Structures are given as structure tokens and as C-alpha cells.
Amino acid sequence: MEQIINNWALIIAAVALVVSVVTAVIKFTNMPTAAQIAKVKEWLLYAVTMAEKELGGGTGKLKLRYVYDLFLTKFNWLAKVITFEQFSALVDEALEEMKRLLESNNAVKDIVNKE
């Protein structure tokens, strides 16, 4: 009993380390697969296109918030796994793809520009 009292700080630190490692392993195993990421990217392309249609140009932060709110309702489980910075990077990729589509596809232009 005296050893426990003398080493209580070390025991607490060891327990905290074990909890941290277990938490990291659980987060890692719950990370989405490549197929899930691909589906999210496809959905993000749709979401940024709809945000562009709804909010128009020059409203970058508002569009990001709009897409993030949609993302939370659609992929709430994933929002707990990835950071907002990672989400923002995915949105940037979707925006680049949308810009390419707007330049090359008249049907997409019509969707975005439709009142």
C-alpha cells in the first residue's frame, strides 16, 4: 500500500498513457476507407455546386459554412473523425473540380446559373 501511495503520480501517468494509446487506436480503426472518401468527395462536388448556385460568387466563407452544415447533416459520423482543416481541404479540391466542370460543361453552367 505504501508503494501505491509513493508512486501515485506515476500510476496516474501510466493509466493516462494507456487511455491515450487506446483512444488513438480506436480513432485510427474508425477512419474512413478510400471508397468512403471517394463518395464523400463526389458528394462535396454536388454540395459546392449547390452552394455556388444558392449563394453566387464572392461568398467563399459563407459557401464553406453552407457546405459544412450540409456535411454535418449528411456525414455526422465523419465530422467526428476529420478536422475542419481536413474538411476545408476536401472542399478546396471539390471547388477546383467544379471550376473545371463549369469551364467544360454547359449543363453544369446552366445548373449553377439557373434562377
PDB file of N, CA and C in Angstrom:
ATOM      1  N   MET A   1       0.813  -1.184   0.000  1.00  0.00           N
ATOM      2  CA  MET A   1       0.000   0.000   0.000  1.00  0.00           C
ATOM      3  C   MET A   1       0.862   1.256   0.000  1.00  0.00           C
ATOM      4  N   GLU A   2       1.961   1.200   0.693  1.00  0.00           N
ATOM      5  CA  GLU A   2       2.862   2.336   0.762  1.00  0.00           C
ATOM      6  C   GLU A   2       3.473   2.632  -0.614  1.00  0.00           C
ATOM      7  N   GLN A   3       3.738   1.581  -1.403  1.00  0.00           N
ATOM      8  CA  GLN A   3       4.292   1.786  -2.742  1.00  0.00           C
ATOM      9  C   GLN A   3       3.290   2.512  -3.638  1.00  0.00           C
ATOM     10  N   ILE A   4       2.021   2.180  -3.497  1.00  0.00           N
ATOM     11  CA  ILE A   4       0.990   2.857  -4.287  1.00  0.00           C
ATOM     12  C   ILE A   4       0.923   4.325  -3.905  1.00  0.00           C
ATOM     13  N   ILE A   5       0.969   4.599  -2.631  1.00  0.00           N
ATOM     14  CA  ILE A   5       0.913   5.990  -2.171  1.00  0.00           C
ATOM     15  C   ILE A   5       2.144   6.761  -2.641  1.00  0.00           C
ATOM     16  N   ASN A   6       3.306   6.148  -2.594  1.00  0.00           N
ATOM     17  CA  ASN A   6       4.535   6.820  -3.008  1.00  0.00           C
ATOM     18  C   ASN A   6       4.611   7.029  -4.520  1.00  0.00           C
ATOM     19  N   ASN A   7       3.955   6.167  -5.286  1.00  0.00           N
ATOM     20  CA  ASN A   7       4.058   6.224  -6.748  1.00  0.00           C
ATOM     21  C   ASN A   7       2.725   6.561  -7.415  1.00  0.00           C
ATOM     22  N   TRP A   8       1.838   7.231  -6.732  1.00  0.00           N
ATOM     23  CA  TRP A   8       0.522   7.508  -7.298  1.00  0.00           C
ATOM     24  C   TRP A   8       0.603   8.357  -8.569  1.00  0.00           C
ATOM     25  N   ALA A   9       1.507   9.286  -8.641  1.00  0.00           N
ATOM     26  CA  ALA A   9       1.648  10.133  -9.836  1.00  0.00           C
ATOM     27  C   ALA A   9       2.091   9.300 -11.027  1.00  0.00           C
ATOM     28  N   LEU A  10       3.004   8.386 -10.799  1.00  0.00           N
ATOM     29  CA  LEU A  10       3.475   7.503 -11.871  1.00  0.00           C
ATOM     30  C   LEU A  10       2.357   6.585 -12.342  1.00  0.00           C
ATOM     31  N   ILE A  11       1.565   6.084 -11.435  1.00  0.00           N
ATOM     32  CA  ILE A  11       0.445   5.202 -11.791  1.00  0.00           C
ATOM     33  C   ILE A  11      -0.596   5.968 -12.610  1.00  0.00           C
ATOM     34  N   ILE A  12      -0.905   7.173 -12.197  1.00  0.00           N
ATOM     35  CA  ILE A  12      -1.865   8.013 -12.937  1.00  0.00           C
ATOM     36  C   ILE A  12      -1.333   8.312 -14.341  1.00  0.00           C
ATOM     37  N   ALA A  13      -0.056   8.610 -14.452  1.00  0.00           N
ATOM     38  CA  ALA A  13       0.552   8.890 -15.755  1.00  0.00           C
ATOM     39  C   ALA A  13       0.488   7.656 -16.651  1.00  0.00           C
ATOM     40  N   ALA A  14       0.740   6.489 -16.099  1.00  0.00           N
ATOM     41  CA  ALA A  14       0.682   5.249 -16.878  1.00  0.00           C
ATOM     42  C   ALA A  14      -0.732   4.973 -17.368  1.00  0.00           C
ATOM     43  N   VAL A  15      -1.713   5.187 -16.505  1.00  0.00           N
ATOM     44  CA  VAL A  15      -3.111   4.989 -16.901  1.00  0.00           C
ATOM     45  C   VAL A  15      -3.495   5.979 -17.999  1.00  0.00           C
ATOM     46  N   ALA A  16      -3.075   7.217 -17.871  1.00  0.00           N
ATOM     47  CA  ALA A  16      -3.366   8.229 -18.891  1.00  0.00           C
ATOM     48  C   ALA A  16      -2.726   7.860 -20.225  1.00  0.00           C
ATOM     49  N   LEU A  17      -1.516   7.331 -20.191  1.00  0.00           N
ATOM     50  CA  LEU A  17      -0.836   6.904 -21.408  1.00  0.00           C
ATOM     51  C   LEU A  17      -1.589   5.763 -22.076  1.00  0.00           C
ATOM     52  N   VAL A  18      -2.022   4.801 -21.301  1.00  0.00           N
ATOM     53  CA  VAL A  18      -2.777   3.674 -21.851  1.00  0.00           C
ATOM     54  C   VAL A  18      -4.084   4.155 -22.470  1.00  0.00           C
ATOM     55  N   VAL A  19      -4.787   5.045 -21.796  1.00  0.00           N
ATOM     56  CA  VAL A  19      -6.042   5.584 -22.328  1.00  0.00           C
ATOM     57  C   VAL A  19      -5.783   6.336 -23.632  1.00  0.00           C
ATOM     58  N   SER A  20      -4.713   7.107 -23.686  1.00  0.00           N
ATOM     59  CA  SER A  20      -4.372   7.848 -24.902  1.00  0.00           C
ATOM     60  C   SER A  20      -4.077   6.909 -26.068  1.00  0.00           C
ATOM     61  N   VAL A  21      -3.329   5.869 -25.816  1.00  0.00           N
ATOM     62  CA  VAL A  21      -2.996   4.907 -26.877  1.00  0.00           C
ATOM     63  C   VAL A  21      -4.250   4.194 -27.359  1.00  0.00           C
ATOM     64  N   VAL A  22      -5.090   3.767 -26.453  1.00  0.00           N
ATOM     65  CA  VAL A  22      -6.332   3.083 -26.838  1.00  0.00           C
ATOM     66  C   VAL A  22      -7.221   4.020 -27.650  1.00  0.00           C
ATOM     67  N   THR A  23      -7.329   5.263 -27.241  1.00  0.00           N
ATOM     68  CA  THR A  23      -8.131   6.239 -27.983  1.00  0.00           C
ATOM     69  C   THR A  23      -7.577   6.447 -29.391  1.00  0.00           C
ATOM     70  N   ALA A  24      -6.268   6.557 -29.525  1.00  0.00           N
ATOM     71  CA  ALA A  24      -5.650   6.738 -30.840  1.00  0.00           C
ATOM     72  C   ALA A  24      -5.905   5.524 -31.731  1.00  0.00           C
ATOM     73  N   VAL A  25      -5.815   4.340 -31.187  1.00  0.00           N
ATOM     74  CA  VAL A  25      -6.066   3.126 -31.973  1.00  0.00           C
ATOM     75  C   VAL A  25      -7.523   3.070 -32.421  1.00  0.00           C
ATOM     76  N   ILE A  26      -8.438   3.412 -31.537  1.00  0.00           N
ATOM     77  CA  ILE A  26      -9.856   3.402 -31.901  1.00  0.00           C
ATOM     78  C   ILE A  26     -10.136   4.417 -33.002  1.00  0.00           C
ATOM     79  N   LYS A  27      -9.588   5.612 -32.873  1.00  0.00           N
ATOM     80  CA  LYS A  27      -9.774   6.629 -33.919  1.00  0.00           C
ATOM     81  C   LYS A  27      -9.199   6.156 -35.249  1.00  0.00           C
ATOM     82  N   PHE A  28      -8.034   5.536 -35.205  1.00  0.00           N
ATOM     83  CA  PHE A  28      -7.400   5.063 -36.433  1.00  0.00           C
ATOM     84  C   PHE A  28      -8.241   3.981 -37.094  1.00  0.00           C
ATOM     85  N   THR A  29      -8.756   3.053 -36.315  1.00  0.00           N
ATOM     86  CA  THR A  29      -9.537   1.967 -36.908  1.00  0.00           C
ATOM     87  C   THR A  29     -10.889   2.440 -37.406  1.00  0.00           C
ATOM     88  N   ASN A  30     -11.386   3.553 -36.885  1.00  0.00           N
ATOM     89  CA  ASN A  30     -12.662   4.087 -37.341  1.00  0.00           C
ATOM     90  C   ASN A  30     -12.516   5.061 -38.509  1.00  0.00           C
ATOM     91  N   MET A  31     -11.307   5.297 -38.956  1.00  0.00           N
ATOM     92  CA  MET A  31     -11.103   6.224 -40.066  1.00  0.00           C
ATOM     93  C   MET A  31     -11.739   5.653 -41.331  1.00  0.00           C
ATOM     94  N   PRO A  32     -12.244   6.529 -42.174  1.00  0.00           N
ATOM     95  CA  PRO A  32     -12.932   6.069 -43.372  1.00  0.00           C
ATOM     96  C   PRO A  32     -11.981   5.436 -44.384  1.00  0.00           C
ATOM     97  N   THR A  33     -12.527   4.513 -45.163  1.00  0.00           N
ATOM     98  CA  THR A  33     -11.747   3.852 -46.195  1.00  0.00           C
ATOM     99  C   THR A  33     -11.649   4.745 -47.423  1.00  0.00           C
ATOM    100  N   ALA A  34     -10.848   4.322 -48.366  1.00  0.00           N
ATOM    101  CA  ALA A  34     -10.675   5.098 -49.593  1.00  0.00           C
ATOM    102  C   ALA A  34     -11.990   5.210 -50.362  1.00  0.00           C
ATOM    103  N   ALA A  35     -12.785   4.155 -50.356  1.00  0.00           N
ATOM    104  CA  ALA A  35     -14.070   4.192 -51.057  1.00  0.00           C
ATOM    105  C   ALA A  35     -15.018   5.197 -50.406  1.00  0.00           C
ATOM    106  N   GLN A  36     -14.996   5.248 -49.083  1.00  0.00           N
ATOM    107  CA  GLN A  36     -15.842   6.201 -48.385  1.00  0.00           C
ATOM    108  C   GLN A  36     -15.401   7.633 -48.683  1.00  0.00           C
ATOM    109  N   ILE A  37     -14.106   7.848 -48.724  1.00  0.00           N
ATOM    110  CA  ILE A  37     -13.579   9.183 -49.052  1.00  0.00           C
ATOM    111  C   ILE A  37     -13.985   9.574 -50.470  1.00  0.00           C
ATOM    112  N   ALA A  38     -13.930   8.631 -51.400  1.00  0.00           N
ATOM    113  CA  ALA A  38     -14.330   8.922 -52.781  1.00  0.00           C
ATOM    114  C   ALA A  38     -15.800   9.336 -52.842  1.00  0.00           C
ATOM    115  N   LYS A  39     -16.657   8.654 -52.103  1.00  0.00           N
ATOM    116  CA  LYS A  39     -18.076   9.016 -52.083  1.00  0.00           C
ATOM    117  C   LYS A  39     -18.278  10.390 -51.455  1.00  0.00           C
ATOM    118  N   VAL A  40     -17.533  10.677 -50.418  1.00  0.00           N
ATOM    119  CA  VAL A  40     -17.630  11.995 -49.784  1.00  0.00           C
ATOM    120  C   VAL A  40     -17.185  13.074 -50.764  1.00  0.00           C
ATOM    121  N   LYS A  41     -16.112  12.820 -51.507  1.00  0.00           N
ATOM    122  CA  LYS A  41     -15.641  13.794 -52.487  1.00  0.00           C
ATOM    123  C   LYS A  41     -16.684  14.030 -53.582  1.00  0.00           C
ATOM    124  N   GLU A  42     -17.350  12.966 -54.033  1.00  0.00           N
ATOM    125  CA  GLU A  42     -18.408  13.123 -55.029  1.00  0.00           C
ATOM    126  C   GLU A  42     -19.550  13.966 -54.468  1.00  0.00           C
ATOM    127  N   TRP A  43     -19.931  13.679 -53.227  1.00  0.00           N
ATOM    128  CA  TRP A  43     -20.996  14.451 -52.607  1.00  0.00           C
ATOM    129  C   TRP A  43     -20.575  15.900 -52.428  1.00  0.00           C
ATOM    130  N   LEU A  44     -19.316  16.136 -52.054  1.00  0.00           N
ATOM    131  CA  LEU A  44     -18.828  17.505 -51.872  1.00  0.00           C
ATOM    132  C   LEU A  44     -18.881  18.289 -53.176  1.00  0.00           C
ATOM    133  N   LEU A  45     -18.615  17.632 -54.301  1.00  0.00           N
ATOM    134  CA  LEU A  45     -18.724  18.301 -55.595  1.00  0.00           C
ATOM    135  C   LEU A  45     -20.159  18.783 -55.798  1.00  0.00           C
ATOM    136  N   TYR A  46     -21.103  17.925 -55.493  1.00  0.00           N
ATOM    137  CA  TYR A  46     -22.517  18.318 -55.576  1.00  0.00           C
ATOM    138  C   TYR A  46     -22.816  19.477 -54.624  1.00  0.00           C
ATOM    139  N   ALA A  47     -22.342  19.374 -53.387  1.00  0.00           N
ATOM    140  CA  ALA A  47     -22.641  20.388 -52.372  1.00  0.00           C
ATOM    141  C   ALA A  47     -22.048  21.747 -52.744  1.00  0.00           C
ATOM    142  N   VAL A  48     -20.813  21.780 -53.220  1.00  0.00           N
ATOM    143  CA  VAL A  48     -20.223  23.078 -53.582  1.00  0.00           C
ATOM    144  C   VAL A  48     -20.915  23.661 -54.816  1.00  0.00           C
ATOM    145  N   THR A  49     -21.384  22.807 -55.709  1.00  0.00           N
ATOM    146  CA  THR A  49     -22.125  23.292 -56.874  1.00  0.00           C
ATOM    147  C   THR A  49     -23.448  23.915 -56.437  1.00  0.00           C
ATOM    148  N   MET A  50     -24.136  23.266 -55.504  1.00  0.00           N
ATOM    149  CA  MET A  50     -25.392  23.819 -54.998  1.00  0.00           C
ATOM    150  C   MET A  50     -25.141  25.101 -54.190  1.00  0.00           C
ATOM    151  N   ALA A  51     -24.045  25.146 -53.468  1.00  0.00           N
ATOM    152  CA  ALA A  51     -23.709  26.365 -52.722  1.00  0.00           C
ATOM    153  C   ALA A  51     -23.421  27.511 -53.687  1.00  0.00           C
ATOM    154  N   GLU A  52     -22.746  27.216 -54.772  1.00  0.00           N
ATOM    155  CA  GLU A  52     -22.472  28.236 -55.788  1.00  0.00           C
ATOM    156  C   GLU A  52     -23.780  28.727 -56.397  1.00  0.00           C
ATOM    157  N   LYS A  53     -24.685  27.812 -56.649  1.00  0.00           N
ATOM    158  CA  LYS A  53     -25.979  28.181 -57.217  1.00  0.00           C
ATOM    159  C   LYS A  53     -26.775  29.039 -56.234  1.00  0.00           C
ATOM    160  N   GLU A  54     -26.801  28.644 -54.969  1.00  0.00           N
ATOM    161  CA  GLU A  54     -27.597  29.346 -53.964  1.00  0.00           C
ATOM    162  C   GLU A  54     -27.005  30.700 -53.572  1.00  0.00           C
ATOM    163  N   LEU A  55     -25.682  30.750 -53.393  1.00  0.00           N
ATOM    164  CA  LEU A  55     -25.056  31.944 -52.823  1.00  0.00           C
ATOM    165  C   LEU A  55     -24.298  32.803 -53.825  1.00  0.00           C
ATOM    166  N   GLY A  56     -23.975  32.253 -54.983  1.00  0.00           N
ATOM    167  CA  GLY A  56     -23.278  33.018 -56.001  1.00  0.00           C
ATOM    168  C   GLY A  56     -21.805  33.201 -55.694  1.00  0.00           C
ATOM    169  N   GLY A  57     -21.154  33.993 -56.511  1.00  0.00           N
ATOM    170  CA  GLY A  57     -19.724  34.220 -56.379  1.00  0.00           C
ATOM    171  C   GLY A  57     -19.391  35.240 -55.299  1.00  0.00           C
ATOM    172  N   GLY A  58     -18.144  35.188 -54.840  1.00  0.00           N
ATOM    173  CA  GLY A  58     -17.657  36.159 -53.876  1.00  0.00           C
ATOM    174  C   GLY A  58     -18.120  35.930 -52.449  1.00  0.00           C
ATOM    175  N   THR A  59     -18.637  34.751 -52.176  1.00  0.00           N
ATOM    176  CA  THR A  59     -19.135  34.462 -50.824  1.00  0.00           C
ATOM    177  C   THR A  59     -18.448  33.211 -50.282  1.00  0.00           C
ATOM    178  N   GLY A  60     -17.139  33.163 -50.394  1.00  0.00           N
ATOM    179  CA  GLY A  60     -16.375  31.967 -50.067  1.00  0.00           C
ATOM    180  C   GLY A  60     -16.622  31.405 -48.678  1.00  0.00           C
ATOM    181  N   LYS A  61     -16.534  32.253 -47.654  1.00  0.00           N
ATOM    182  CA  LYS A  61     -16.708  31.765 -46.282  1.00  0.00           C
ATOM    183  C   LYS A  61     -18.146  31.321 -46.027  1.00  0.00           C
ATOM    184  N   LEU A  62     -19.098  32.045 -46.611  1.00  0.00           N
ATOM    185  CA  LEU A  62     -20.491  31.641 -46.456  1.00  0.00           C
ATOM    186  C   LEU A  62     -20.754  30.300 -47.136  1.00  0.00           C
ATOM    187  N   LYS A  63     -20.169  30.137 -48.316  1.00  0.00           N
ATOM    188  CA  LYS A  63     -20.337  28.860 -49.019  1.00  0.00           C
ATOM    189  C   LYS A  63     -19.694  27.722 -48.249  1.00  0.00           C
ATOM    190  N   LEU A  64     -18.522  27.970 -47.680  1.00  0.00           N
ATOM    191  CA  LEU A  64     -17.856  26.941 -46.887  1.00  0.00           C
ATOM    192  C   LEU A  64     -18.732  26.556 -45.703  1.00  0.00           C
ATOM    193  N   ARG A  65     -19.306  27.518 -45.027  1.00  0.00           N
ATOM    194  CA  ARG A  65     -20.186  27.229 -43.892  1.00  0.00           C
ATOM    195  C   ARG A  65     -21.435  26.487 -44.342  1.00  0.00           C
ATOM    196  N   TYR A  66     -21.991  26.889 -45.476  1.00  0.00           N
ATOM    197  CA  TYR A  66     -23.176  26.229 -46.038  1.00  0.00           C
ATOM    198  C   TYR A  66     -22.879  24.759 -46.318  1.00  0.00           C
ATOM    199  N   VAL A  67     -21.739  24.509 -46.960  1.00  0.00           N
ATOM    200  CA  VAL A  67     -21.354  23.136 -47.285  1.00  0.00           C
ATOM    201  C   VAL A  67     -21.060  22.355 -46.005  1.00  0.00           C
ATOM    202  N   TYR A  68     -20.420  22.998 -45.038  1.00  0.00           N
ATOM    203  CA  TYR A  68     -20.119  22.302 -43.781  1.00  0.00           C
ATOM    204  C   TYR A  68     -21.396  21.929 -43.041  1.00  0.00           C
ATOM    205  N   ASP A  69     -22.381  22.813 -43.033  1.00  0.00           N
ATOM    206  CA  ASP A  69     -23.654  22.494 -42.392  1.00  0.00           C
ATOM    207  C   ASP A  69     -24.335  21.314 -43.080  1.00  0.00           C
ATOM    208  N   LEU A  70     -24.306  21.298 -44.405  1.00  0.00           N
ATOM    209  CA  LEU A  70     -24.852  20.154 -45.137  1.00  0.00           C
ATOM    210  C   LEU A  70     -24.083  18.874 -44.812  1.00  0.00           C
ATOM    211  N   PHE A  71     -22.768  19.008 -44.727  1.00  0.00           N
ATOM    212  CA  PHE A  71     -21.903  17.875 -44.409  1.00  0.00           C
ATOM    213  C   PHE A  71     -22.245  17.301 -43.037  1.00  0.00           C
ATOM    214  N   LEU A  72     -22.490  18.168 -42.064  1.00  0.00           N
ATOM    215  CA  LEU A  72     -22.834  17.705 -40.719  1.00  0.00           C
ATOM    216  C   LEU A  72     -24.134  16.913 -40.711  1.00  0.00           C
ATOM    217  N   THR A  73     -25.090  17.319 -41.529  1.00  0.00           N
ATOM    218  CA  THR A  73     -26.350  16.589 -41.560  1.00  0.00           C
ATOM    219  C   THR A  73     -26.225  15.275 -42.319  1.00  0.00           C
ATOM    220  N   LYS A  74     -25.370  15.247 -43.337  1.00  0.00           N
ATOM    221  CA  LYS A  74     -25.225  14.045 -44.168  1.00  0.00           C
ATOM    222  C   LYS A  74     -24.215  13.056 -43.588  1.00  0.00           C
ATOM    223  N   PHE A  75     -23.080  13.550 -43.111  1.00  0.00           N
ATOM    224  CA  PHE A  75     -21.978  12.699 -42.656  1.00  0.00           C
ATOM    225  C   PHE A  75     -21.560  13.053 -41.227  1.00  0.00           C
ATOM    226  N   ASN A  76     -22.485  13.043 -40.308  1.00  0.00           N
ATOM    227  CA  ASN A  76     -22.194  13.427 -38.930  1.00  0.00           C
ATOM    228  C   ASN A  76     -21.106  12.546 -38.319  1.00  0.00           C
ATOM    229  N   TRP A  77     -21.098  11.271 -38.641  1.00  0.00           N
ATOM    230  CA  TRP A  77     -20.088  10.347 -38.101  1.00  0.00           C
ATOM    231  C   TRP A  77     -18.694  10.724 -38.575  1.00  0.00           C
ATOM    232  N   LEU A  78     -18.589  11.198 -39.810  1.00  0.00           N
ATOM    233  CA  LEU A  78     -17.287  11.549 -40.358  1.00  0.00           C
ATOM    234  C   LEU A  78     -16.788  12.873 -39.788  1.00  0.00           C
ATOM    235  N   ALA A  79     -17.695  13.755 -39.456  1.00  0.00           N
ATOM    236  CA  ALA A  79     -17.310  15.043 -38.878  1.00  0.00           C
ATOM    237  C   ALA A  79     -16.618  14.855 -37.532  1.00  0.00           C
ATOM    238  N   LYS A  80     -16.878  13.731 -36.881  1.00  0.00           N
ATOM    239  CA  LYS A  80     -16.228  13.448 -35.602  1.00  0.00           C
ATOM    240  C   LYS A  80     -14.821  12.903 -35.796  1.00  0.00           C
ATOM    241  N   VAL A  81     -14.497  12.471 -37.015  1.00  0.00           N
ATOM    242  CA  VAL A  81     -13.211  11.829 -37.285  1.00  0.00           C
ATOM    243  C   VAL A  81     -12.212  12.788 -37.918  1.00  0.00           C
ATOM    244  N   ILE A  82     -12.690  13.659 -38.825  1.00  0.00           N
ATOM    245  CA  ILE A  82     -11.764  14.557 -39.510  1.00  0.00           C
ATOM    246  C   ILE A  82     -11.858  15.961 -38.919  1.00  0.00           C
ATOM    247  N   THR A  83     -10.793  16.700 -39.065  1.00  0.00           N
ATOM    248  CA  THR A  83     -10.769  18.076 -38.568  1.00  0.00           C
ATOM    249  C   THR A  83     -11.403  19.015 -39.592  1.00  0.00           C
ATOM    250  N   PHE A  84     -11.701  20.227 -39.141  1.00  0.00           N
ATOM    251  CA  PHE A  84     -12.267  21.211 -40.060  1.00  0.00           C
ATOM    252  C   PHE A  84     -11.258  21.569 -41.147  1.00  0.00           C
ATOM    253  N   GLU A  85      -9.978  21.577 -40.819  1.00  0.00           N
ATOM    254  CA  GLU A  85      -8.946  21.872 -41.806  1.00  0.00           C
ATOM    255  C   GLU A  85      -8.920  20.800 -42.890  1.00  0.00           C
ATOM    256  N   GLN A  86      -9.061  19.535 -42.503  1.00  0.00           N
ATOM    257  CA  GLN A  86      -9.115  18.456 -43.485  1.00  0.00           C
ATOM    258  C   GLN A  86     -10.366  18.600 -44.347  1.00  0.00           C
ATOM    259  N   PHE A  87     -11.483  18.944 -43.716  1.00  0.00           N
ATOM    260  CA  PHE A  87     -12.718  19.156 -44.457  1.00  0.00           C
ATOM    261  C   PHE A  87     -12.545  20.295 -45.455  1.00  0.00           C
ATOM    262  N   SER A  88     -11.942  21.383 -45.009  1.00  0.00           N
ATOM    263  CA  SER A  88     -11.728  22.536 -45.873  1.00  0.00           C
ATOM    264  C   SER A  88     -10.859  22.175 -47.072  1.00  0.00           C
ATOM    265  N   ALA A  89      -9.858  21.339 -46.863  1.00  0.00           N
ATOM    266  CA  ALA A  89      -9.007  20.894 -47.976  1.00  0.00           C
ATOM    267  C   ALA A  89      -9.813  20.062 -48.971  1.00  0.00           C
ATOM    268  N   LEU A  90     -10.698  19.216 -48.474  1.00  0.00           N
ATOM    269  CA  LEU A  90     -11.560  18.439 -49.367  1.00  0.00           C
ATOM    270  C   LEU A  90     -12.490  19.350 -50.164  1.00  0.00           C
ATOM    271  N   VAL A  91     -12.991  20.390 -49.518  1.00  0.00           N
ATOM    272  CA  VAL A  91     -13.857  21.348 -50.206  1.00  0.00           C
ATOM    273  C   VAL A  91     -13.067  22.092 -51.285  1.00  0.00           C
ATOM    274  N   ASP A  92     -11.834  22.451 -50.991  1.00  0.00           N
ATOM    275  CA  ASP A  92     -10.992  23.117 -51.996  1.00  0.00           C
ATOM    276  C   ASP A  92     -10.807  22.237 -53.222  1.00  0.00           C
ATOM    277  N   GLU A  93     -10.587  20.942 -53.005  1.00  0.00           N
ATOM    278  CA  GLU A  93     -10.476  20.004 -54.133  1.00  0.00           C
ATOM    279  C   GLU A  93     -11.773  19.964 -54.930  1.00  0.00           C
ATOM    280  N   ALA A  94     -12.911  19.936 -54.241  1.00  0.00           N
ATOM    281  CA  ALA A  94     -14.207  19.904 -54.916  1.00  0.00           C
ATOM    282  C   ALA A  94     -14.444  21.198 -55.693  1.00  0.00           C
ATOM    283  N   LEU A  95     -13.999  22.325 -55.133  1.00  0.00           N
ATOM    284  CA  LEU A  95     -14.145  23.604 -55.845  1.00  0.00           C
ATOM    285  C   LEU A  95     -13.335  23.629 -57.133  1.00  0.00           C
ATOM    286  N   GLU A  96     -12.129  23.095 -57.077  1.00  0.00           N
ATOM    287  CA  GLU A  96     -11.304  23.028 -58.291  1.00  0.00           C
ATOM    288  C   GLU A  96     -11.976  22.169 -59.353  1.00  0.00           C
ATOM    289  N   GLU A  97     -12.538  21.044 -58.938  1.00  0.00           N
ATOM    290  CA  GLU A  97     -13.253  20.175 -59.875  1.00  0.00           C
ATOM    291  C   GLU A  97     -14.479  20.875 -60.437  1.00  0.00           C
ATOM    292  N   MET A  98     -15.210  21.612 -59.589  1.00  0.00           N
ATOM    293  CA  MET A  98     -16.378  22.348 -60.059  1.00  0.00           C
ATOM    294  C   MET A  98     -15.978  23.413 -61.076  1.00  0.00           C
ATOM    295  N   LYS A  99     -14.874  24.112 -60.839  1.00  0.00           N
ATOM    296  CA  LYS A  99     -14.406  25.125 -61.783  1.00  0.00           C
ATOM    297  C   LYS A  99     -14.082  24.500 -63.130  1.00  0.00           C
ATOM    298  N   ARG A 100     -13.438  23.327 -63.096  1.00  0.00           N
ATOM    299  CA  ARG A 100     -13.136  22.623 -64.354  1.00  0.00           C
ATOM    300  C   ARG A 100     -14.429  22.239 -65.072  1.00  0.00           C
ATOM    301  N   LEU A 101     -15.411  21.784 -64.306  1.00  0.00           N
ATOM    302  CA  LEU A 101     -16.693  21.418 -64.911  1.00  0.00           C
ATOM    303  C   LEU A 101     -17.403  22.633 -65.484  1.00  0.00           C
ATOM    304  N   LEU A 102     -17.353  23.749 -64.789  1.00  0.00           N
ATOM    305  CA  LEU A 102     -18.000  24.962 -65.293  1.00  0.00           C
ATOM    306  C   LEU A 102     -17.379  25.433 -66.592  1.00  0.00           C
ATOM    307  N   GLU A 103     -16.075  25.243 -66.730  1.00  0.00           N
ATOM    308  CA  GLU A 103     -15.389  25.658 -67.951  1.00  0.00           C
ATOM    309  C   GLU A 103     -15.694  24.734 -69.126  1.00  0.00           C
ATOM    310  N   SER A 104     -15.913  23.456 -68.835  1.00  0.00           N
ATOM    311  CA  SER A 104     -16.019  22.489 -69.918  1.00  0.00           C
ATOM    312  C   SER A 104     -17.417  21.915 -70.141  1.00  0.00           C
ATOM    313  N   ASN A 105     -18.362  22.168 -69.248  1.00  0.00           N
ATOM    314  CA  ASN A 105     -19.654  21.510 -69.345  1.00  0.00           C
ATOM    315  C   ASN A 105     -20.769  22.552 -69.255  1.00  0.00           C
ATOM    316  N   ASN A 106     -21.482  22.740 -70.358  1.00  0.00           N
ATOM    317  CA  ASN A 106     -22.550  23.736 -70.396  1.00  0.00           C
ATOM    318  C   ASN A 106     -23.728  23.357 -69.498  1.00  0.00           C
ATOM    319  N   ALA A 107     -23.966  22.054 -69.323  1.00  0.00           N
ATOM    320  CA  ALA A 107     -25.069  21.616 -68.467  1.00  0.00           C
ATOM    321  C   ALA A 107     -24.833  22.046 -67.020  1.00  0.00           C
ATOM    322  N   VAL A 108     -23.597  21.947 -66.558  1.00  0.00           N
ATOM    323  CA  VAL A 108     -23.274  22.385 -65.206  1.00  0.00           C
ATOM    324  C   VAL A 108     -23.409  23.896 -65.102  1.00  0.00           C
ATOM    325  N   LYS A 109     -22.969  24.617 -66.136  1.00  0.00           N
ATOM    326  CA  LYS A 109     -23.134  26.080 -66.146  1.00  0.00           C
ATOM    327  C   LYS A 109     -24.613  26.441 -66.029  1.00  0.00           C
ATOM    328  N   ASP A 110     -25.470  25.722 -66.756  1.00  0.00           N
ATOM    329  CA  ASP A 110     -26.903  26.005 -66.704  1.00  0.00           C
ATOM    330  C   ASP A 110     -27.473  25.756 -65.310  1.00  0.00           C
ATOM    331  N   ILE A 111     -27.005  24.699 -64.650  1.00  0.00           N
ATOM    332  CA  ILE A 111     -27.491  24.409 -63.294  1.00  0.00           C
ATOM    333  C   ILE A 111     -27.099  25.532 -62.334  1.00  0.00           C
ATOM    334  N   VAL A 112     -25.857  25.968 -62.400  1.00  0.00           N
ATOM    335  CA  VAL A 112     -25.373  26.987 -61.485  1.00  0.00           C
ATOM    336  C   VAL A 112     -26.004  28.340 -61.770  1.00  0.00           C
ATOM    337  N   ASN A 113     -26.184  28.668 -63.037  1.00  0.00           N
ATOM    338  CA  ASN A 113     -26.688  29.987 -63.416  1.00  0.00           C
ATOM    339  C   ASN A 113     -28.206  30.072 -63.463  1.00  0.00           C
ATOM    340  N   LYS A 114     -28.909  28.945 -63.279  1.00  0.00           N
ATOM    341  CA  LYS A 114     -30.355  28.944 -63.308  1.00  0.00           C
ATOM    342  C   LYS A 114     -30.905  29.693 -62.113  1.00  0.00           C
ATOM    343  N   GLU A 115     -31.871  30.539 -62.349  1.00  0.00           N
ATOM    344  CA  GLU A 115     -32.508  31.326 -61.267  1.00  0.00           C
ATOM    345  C   GLU A 115     -33.606  30.520 -60.628  1.00  0.00           C
TER     346      GLU A 115
END
